[in-house]
């Protein structure tokens, strides 16, 4: 059943993953987060260079990385992104959309993120997996699971009773997620339960890949910021001289 599901869903996942990449990368380029070549359009309004670069990069990755490892890394990344989406939903619903207006909400949301992740891991590794092989449950994992579940329940209850919804819930054009914050918390737990079933080595592969991307990104941002400052300084001097001469 799992094999049939993977064969059926893999083309859809790849298609949905590749198609929006040029638009996403181009938007990042327009914000100055990536080189300008990614936001160049041809006369038909197509991000031609960006599409080629992204396509070649993804093709090289698919050739170089074994399918089993690549599939697990993609699955882990997708599930983690789902959890970030649920955390963002809570942030927006309770007043942190666009700015950190509710610092306590932010602290509780990220604590909930960690607690649900820990509970998912403990449930799968220390309880369910042990029972499936005929062993007794791990006491330490069970206690940690119980503690994180109770903490998560307290956070959810606090958000629901002490904080009001701070986004427009009357706009009919916006989809409203029901049962917030209970449903996002359950979703985060289920996602991390699924993530815990993957091999730790594939987690390590994904962590190394993310570290390389983050370090490259930091270096680019620093170089880009220095270049922007050097370009801006002569302009500031010229504007200052022109204003002084006008006076």
Protein backbone atom coordinates (compact mmCIF):
# COMPACT_ATOMS: atom_id res chain seq x y z
CA UNK A 1 0.00 0.00 0.00
CA UNK A 2 2.80 2.42 0.92
CA UNK A 3 4.65 1.65 -2.34
CA UNK A 4 1.51 2.28 -4.41
CA UNK A 5 0.93 5.54 -2.55
CA UNK A 6 4.51 6.69 -3.18
CA UNK A 7 4.31 5.88 -6.90
CA UNK A 8 0.99 7.70 -7.19
CA UNK A 9 1.97 10.78 -5.20
CA UNK A 10 5.61 11.20 -6.23
CA UNK A 11 4.90 12.79 -9.67
CA UNK A 12 2.41 15.16 -8.04
CA UNK A 13 4.86 16.14 -5.29
CA UNK A 14 7.66 16.73 -7.80
CA UNK A 15 5.38 18.77 -10.07
CA UNK A 16 4.06 20.91 -7.24
CA UNK A 17 7.58 21.33 -5.87
CA UNK A 18 9.24 22.37 -9.12
CA UNK A 19 6.58 24.52 -10.78
CA UNK A 20 6.48 27.38 -8.23
CA UNK A 21 10.25 27.47 -7.68
CA UNK A 22 11.03 30.15 -10.33
CA UNK A 23 8.34 32.44 -8.91
CA UNK A 24 9.49 31.94 -5.33
CA UNK A 25 13.18 32.40 -6.16
CA UNK A 26 12.38 35.45 -8.31
CA UNK A 27 10.46 37.05 -5.44
CA UNK A 28 13.44 36.50 -3.15
CA UNK A 29 15.71 38.00 -5.79
CA UNK A 30 13.49 41.08 -6.10
CA UNK A 31 13.76 41.55 -2.34
CA UNK A 32 17.56 41.47 -2.60
CA UNK A 33 17.92 38.08 -0.95
CA UNK A 34 19.33 36.39 -4.08
CA UNK A 35 21.32 37.59 -7.13
CA UNK A 36 19.41 39.69 -9.65
CA UNK A 37 19.73 37.08 -12.42
CA UNK A 38 16.93 35.09 -10.75
CA UNK A 39 14.43 37.92 -11.24
CA UNK A 40 15.17 38.69 -14.90
CA UNK A 41 12.26 38.17 -17.28
CA UNK A 42 12.21 37.69 -21.03
CA UNK A 43 9.87 39.62 -23.32
CA UNK A 44 7.04 37.20 -22.52
CA UNK A 45 7.36 37.80 -18.77
CA UNK A 46 8.90 34.39 -18.07
CA UNK A 47 11.75 33.94 -15.60
CA UNK A 48 13.81 32.17 -18.26
CA UNK A 49 17.26 32.15 -16.60
CA UNK A 50 15.81 31.31 -13.19
CA UNK A 51 13.87 28.36 -14.60
CA UNK A 52 16.98 26.96 -16.27
CA UNK A 53 19.15 27.37 -13.17
CA UNK A 54 16.58 25.80 -10.85
CA UNK A 55 15.86 22.97 -13.28
CA UNK A 56 19.54 22.12 -13.80
CA UNK A 57 20.24 22.23 -10.06
CA UNK A 58 17.32 19.92 -9.25
CA UNK A 59 18.31 17.54 -12.05
CA UNK A 60 21.88 17.29 -10.75
CA UNK A 61 20.61 16.59 -7.26
CA UNK A 62 18.30 13.85 -8.54
CA UNK A 63 21.21 12.20 -10.37
CA UNK A 64 23.68 12.47 -7.48
CA UNK A 65 21.52 11.47 -4.50
CA UNK A 66 19.99 7.96 -4.15
CA UNK A 67 16.22 7.99 -4.48
CA UNK A 68 15.57 6.46 -1.05
CA UNK A 69 17.64 9.15 0.68
CA UNK A 70 16.22 11.95 -1.44
CA UNK A 71 12.64 10.84 -0.83
CA UNK A 72 13.14 10.70 2.94
CA UNK A 73 14.83 14.11 2.97
CA UNK A 74 11.97 15.62 0.97
CA UNK A 75 9.41 14.02 3.27
CA UNK A 76 11.18 15.33 6.39
CA UNK A 77 11.44 18.81 4.88
CA UNK A 78 7.76 18.85 3.89
CA UNK A 79 6.59 17.72 7.32
CA UNK A 80 8.80 20.30 9.04
CA UNK A 81 7.42 23.01 6.74
CA UNK A 82 3.90 21.91 7.69
CA UNK A 83 4.80 22.43 11.34
CA UNK A 84 6.20 25.88 10.61
CA UNK A 85 2.94 26.66 8.80
CA UNK A 86 0.93 25.62 11.86
CA UNK A 87 3.16 27.71 14.11
CA UNK A 88 2.76 30.69 11.76
CA UNK A 89 -1.01 30.23 11.84
CA UNK A 90 -1.00 30.56 15.62
CA UNK A 91 1.25 33.61 15.44
CA UNK A 92 -1.02 35.37 12.94
CA UNK A 93 -4.25 34.39 14.69
CA UNK A 94 -3.11 35.81 18.02
CA UNK A 95 -1.58 39.09 16.92
CA UNK A 96 1.93 38.48 15.57
CA UNK A 97 1.14 38.87 11.89
CA UNK A 98 3.83 41.08 10.35
CA UNK A 99 5.29 42.23 13.67
CA UNK A 100 6.05 40.86 17.12
CA UNK A 101 3.15 42.54 18.92
CA UNK A 102 2.59 39.68 21.36
CA UNK A 103 5.97 38.44 22.67
CA UNK A 104 4.37 36.02 25.14
CA UNK A 105 2.37 34.43 22.33
CA UNK A 106 5.57 34.04 20.34
CA UNK A 107 7.28 32.35 23.29
CA UNK A 108 4.34 30.00 23.85
CA UNK A 109 4.05 29.07 20.17
CA UNK A 110 7.70 28.06 19.91
CA UNK A 111 7.47 26.21 23.22
CA UNK A 112 4.47 24.37 21.79
CA UNK A 113 6.51 23.62 18.66
CA UNK A 114 9.27 22.01 20.75
CA UNK A 115 6.86 20.16 23.04
CA UNK A 116 4.80 18.63 20.24
CA UNK A 117 8.01 17.60 18.46
CA UNK A 118 9.33 15.95 21.60
CA UNK A 119 6.00 14.25 22.28
CA UNK A 120 5.85 12.89 18.73
CA UNK A 121 9.36 11.46 18.97
CA UNK A 122 8.80 9.93 22.38
CA UNK A 123 5.48 8.41 21.36
CA UNK A 124 6.92 6.73 18.29
CA UNK A 125 10.38 5.76 19.56
CA UNK A 126 9.66 4.92 23.16
CA UNK A 127 6.07 3.68 23.17
CA UNK A 128 4.57 2.56 19.85
CA UNK A 129 7.74 1.09 18.37
CA UNK A 130 8.46 -0.86 21.54
CA UNK A 131 4.95 -2.29 21.68
CA UNK A 132 5.04 -3.33 18.01
CA UNK A 133 8.11 -5.49 18.60
CA UNK A 134 6.70 -7.00 21.78
CA UNK A 135 8.84 -5.04 24.23
CA UNK A 136 7.79 -2.98 27.22
CA UNK A 137 7.57 0.76 26.82
CA UNK A 138 10.51 2.92 27.74
CA UNK A 139 9.73 4.54 31.10
CA UNK A 140 11.84 7.66 30.50
CA UNK A 141 10.28 8.22 27.08
CA UNK A 142 6.80 7.71 28.51
CA UNK A 143 7.39 10.25 31.29
CA UNK A 144 8.82 12.79 28.86
CA UNK A 145 5.90 12.17 26.51
CA UNK A 146 3.42 12.78 29.32
CA UNK A 147 5.22 15.94 30.47
CA UNK A 148 5.34 17.46 26.98
CA UNK A 149 1.70 16.57 26.30
CA UNK A 150 0.60 18.25 29.54
CA UNK A 151 2.73 21.32 28.72
CA UNK A 152 1.25 21.48 25.24
CA UNK A 153 -2.27 21.23 26.65
CA UNK A 154 -1.56 24.08 29.09
CA UNK A 155 -0.23 26.28 26.27
CA UNK A 156 -3.23 25.52 24.05
CA UNK A 157 -5.62 26.26 26.90
CA UNK A 158 -3.84 29.52 27.70
CA UNK A 159 -3.96 30.68 24.09
CA UNK A 160 -7.64 29.83 23.80
CA UNK A 161 -8.79 31.42 27.06
CA UNK A 162 -6.48 34.36 27.66
CA UNK A 163 -5.76 35.70 24.16
CA UNK A 164 -8.25 37.07 21.67
CA UNK A 165 -8.21 36.58 17.93
CA UNK A 166 -6.41 39.55 16.39
CA UNK A 167 -7.00 39.01 12.68
CA UNK A 168 -9.94 39.73 10.39
CA UNK A 169 -12.33 36.80 10.74
CA UNK A 170 -15.21 38.53 8.92
CA UNK A 171 -13.58 38.61 5.49
CA UNK A 172 -15.40 35.98 3.43
CA UNK A 173 -12.53 35.78 0.94
CA UNK A 174 -10.11 34.39 3.55
CA UNK A 175 -10.11 30.74 4.59
CA UNK A 176 -10.48 30.36 8.34
CA UNK A 177 -8.92 27.32 9.96
CA UNK A 178 -11.36 25.85 12.50
CA UNK A 179 -10.61 24.72 16.04
CA UNK A 180 -7.57 26.96 16.55
CA UNK A 181 -5.33 26.45 18.54
CA UNK A 182 -6.30 22.80 19.15
CA UNK A 183 -6.12 21.64 15.53
CA UNK A 184 -2.66 23.15 14.77
CA UNK A 185 -1.25 21.59 17.95
CA UNK A 186 -2.58 18.15 17.02
CA UNK A 187 -1.23 18.58 13.48
CA UNK A 188 2.23 19.46 14.78
CA UNK A 189 2.25 16.38 16.98
CA UNK A 190 1.14 14.09 14.13
CA UNK A 191 3.73 15.54 11.74
CA UNK A 192 6.58 14.99 14.18
CA UNK A 193 5.31 11.48 14.91
CA UNK A 194 5.67 10.75 11.19
CA UNK A 195 9.07 12.44 11.02
CA UNK A 196 10.39 10.30 13.86
CA UNK A 197 9.94 7.18 11.73
CA UNK A 198 12.70 8.17 9.30
CA UNK A 199 16.27 7.01 9.70
CA UNK A 200 18.55 9.26 11.73
CA UNK A 201 21.13 9.19 8.94
CA UNK A 202 18.67 10.87 6.56
CA UNK A 203 18.08 13.47 9.25
CA UNK A 204 21.83 14.05 9.29
CA UNK A 205 21.92 14.41 5.49
CA UNK A 206 19.15 17.00 5.62
CA UNK A 207 20.85 18.86 8.48
CA UNK A 208 24.14 19.07 6.56
CA UNK A 209 22.32 20.28 3.44
CA UNK A 210 20.46 22.95 5.38
CA UNK A 211 23.67 24.03 7.10
CA UNK A 212 25.41 24.46 3.74
CA UNK A 213 22.50 26.49 2.39
CA UNK A 214 22.30 28.67 5.50
CA UNK A 215 26.05 29.38 5.55
CA UNK A 216 26.05 30.20 1.84
CA UNK A 217 23.04 32.44 2.36
CA UNK A 218 24.66 34.30 5.27
CA UNK A 219 27.85 34.88 3.28
CA UNK A 220 25.85 36.19 0.31
CA UNK A 221 23.79 38.53 2.49
CA UNK A 222 26.91 39.96 4.11
CA UNK A 223 28.62 40.54 0.76
CA UNK A 224 25.42 41.96 -0.72
CA UNK A 225 24.96 44.33 2.22
CA UNK A 226 28.55 45.61 1.98
CA UNK A 227 28.16 46.21 -1.76
CA UNK A 228 24.88 48.04 -1.24
CA UNK A 229 26.49 50.29 1.39
CA UNK A 230 29.43 51.13 -0.90
CA UNK A 231 27.02 52.08 -3.67
CA UNK A 232 24.82 54.09 -1.31
CA UNK A 233 27.66 56.12 0.28
CA UNK A 234 28.62 58.11 -2.87
CA UNK A 235 24.95 58.78 -3.54
CA UNK A 236 24.49 60.13 -0.03
CA UNK A 237 27.54 62.36 -0.42
CA UNK A 238 26.27 63.68 -3.76
CA UNK A 239 22.82 64.40 -2.34
CA UNK A 240 24.38 66.16 0.65
CA UNK A 241 26.59 68.32 -1.61
CA UNK A 242 23.68 69.21 -3.88
CA UNK A 243 21.52 70.19 -0.91
CA UNK A 244 24.32 72.34 0.58
CA UNK A 245 24.96 74.08 -2.76
CA UNK A 246 21.27 74.75 -3.16
CA UNK A 247 21.23 76.44 0.25
